[in-house]
């Protein structure tokens, strides 16, 4: 799917879930580079993106797999896994 889309992420990280309980929903973008493995080390994120990030909370190096991304086809009510 292309065009105007919206993604909603439900994190499986306890620290982030606790933060969201206090703040409510947050708006963000992905820190990953196109066609590259996801960043999971806060030190590397800071090294590559420090001039582009306003605020970051580090909970250490992440070991979990990246989020799955799904598309909801509103015409057929089907859930399609994109990655």
Protein backbone atom coordinates (compact mmCIF):
# COMPACT_ATOMS: atom_id res chain seq x y z
CA UNK A 1 0.00 0.00 0.00
CA UNK A 2 1.13 3.50 -0.79
CA UNK A 3 -0.28 6.94 -0.31
CA UNK A 4 -1.89 8.38 2.77
CA UNK A 5 -1.50 5.82 5.53
CA UNK A 6 -1.28 5.80 9.29
CA UNK A 7 0.62 3.35 11.46
CA UNK A 8 -0.09 2.68 15.12
CA UNK A 9 2.58 0.99 17.21
CA UNK A 10 1.75 -0.95 20.35
CA UNK A 11 5.14 -1.38 22.04
CA UNK A 12 6.18 -4.54 23.81
CA UNK A 13 8.76 -2.68 25.91
CA UNK A 14 7.85 -2.30 29.60
CA UNK A 15 9.71 1.00 30.08
CA UNK A 16 7.97 2.54 27.07
CA UNK A 17 4.57 1.26 28.17
CA UNK A 18 5.08 2.87 31.59
CA UNK A 19 6.02 6.16 29.91
CA UNK A 20 2.91 6.02 27.72
CA UNK A 21 0.70 5.48 30.77
CA UNK A 22 2.01 8.81 32.10
CA UNK A 23 2.10 10.79 28.85
CA UNK A 24 -0.65 9.31 26.74
CA UNK A 25 -0.05 8.65 23.03
CA UNK A 26 3.15 9.96 21.45
CA UNK A 27 3.83 10.88 17.84
CA UNK A 28 7.18 9.83 16.40
CA UNK A 29 8.94 8.62 13.31
CA UNK A 30 11.12 5.59 12.75
CA UNK A 31 14.83 6.04 13.38
CA UNK A 32 15.74 3.29 10.91
CA UNK A 33 17.44 3.91 7.59
CA UNK A 34 15.77 2.54 4.47
CA UNK A 35 16.96 -0.97 3.54
CA UNK A 36 19.28 -1.16 6.57
CA UNK A 37 19.02 -3.26 9.75
CA UNK A 38 17.18 -1.50 12.60
CA UNK A 39 19.17 0.47 15.15
CA UNK A 40 19.04 -1.19 18.57
CA UNK A 41 21.98 0.50 20.30
CA UNK A 42 21.34 3.95 21.84
CA UNK A 43 25.01 4.86 21.36
CA UNK A 44 24.77 4.32 17.61
CA UNK A 45 21.49 6.22 17.43
CA UNK A 46 23.14 9.15 19.19
CA UNK A 47 26.21 8.90 16.95
CA UNK A 48 24.24 8.95 13.69
CA UNK A 49 21.24 11.12 14.59
CA UNK A 50 22.21 13.42 17.49
CA UNK A 51 21.70 16.52 15.35
CA UNK A 52 18.20 15.35 14.36
CA UNK A 53 16.78 14.13 17.69
CA UNK A 54 15.24 16.53 20.17
CA UNK A 55 14.91 14.03 23.01
CA UNK A 56 15.80 10.38 23.66
CA UNK A 57 15.37 8.13 26.69
CA UNK A 58 17.78 5.20 26.68
CA UNK A 59 16.75 1.90 28.23
CA UNK A 60 19.92 0.22 26.99
CA UNK A 61 20.55 -1.92 23.95
CA UNK A 62 17.38 -3.54 22.68
CA UNK A 63 17.37 -7.23 21.89
CA UNK A 64 13.81 -7.67 20.64
CA UNK A 65 12.88 -8.00 17.01
CA UNK A 66 11.60 -4.88 15.24
CA UNK A 67 7.87 -4.24 15.13
CA UNK A 68 5.64 -5.97 12.65
CA UNK A 69 3.79 -3.70 10.26
CA UNK A 70 0.27 -4.48 9.09
CA UNK A 71 -2.07 -2.91 6.57
CA UNK A 72 -5.80 -2.96 7.26
CA UNK A 73 -7.80 -3.23 4.07
CA UNK A 74 -10.93 -1.26 4.94
CA UNK A 75 -12.89 -2.64 2.00
CA UNK A 76 -12.43 -6.29 2.95
CA UNK A 77 -11.62 -5.89 6.67
CA UNK A 78 -8.50 -8.00 6.10
CA UNK A 79 -5.28 -7.57 8.05
CA UNK A 80 -2.24 -7.89 5.77
CA UNK A 81 1.25 -8.29 7.26
CA UNK A 82 3.74 -6.09 5.40
CA UNK A 83 6.83 -6.98 7.46
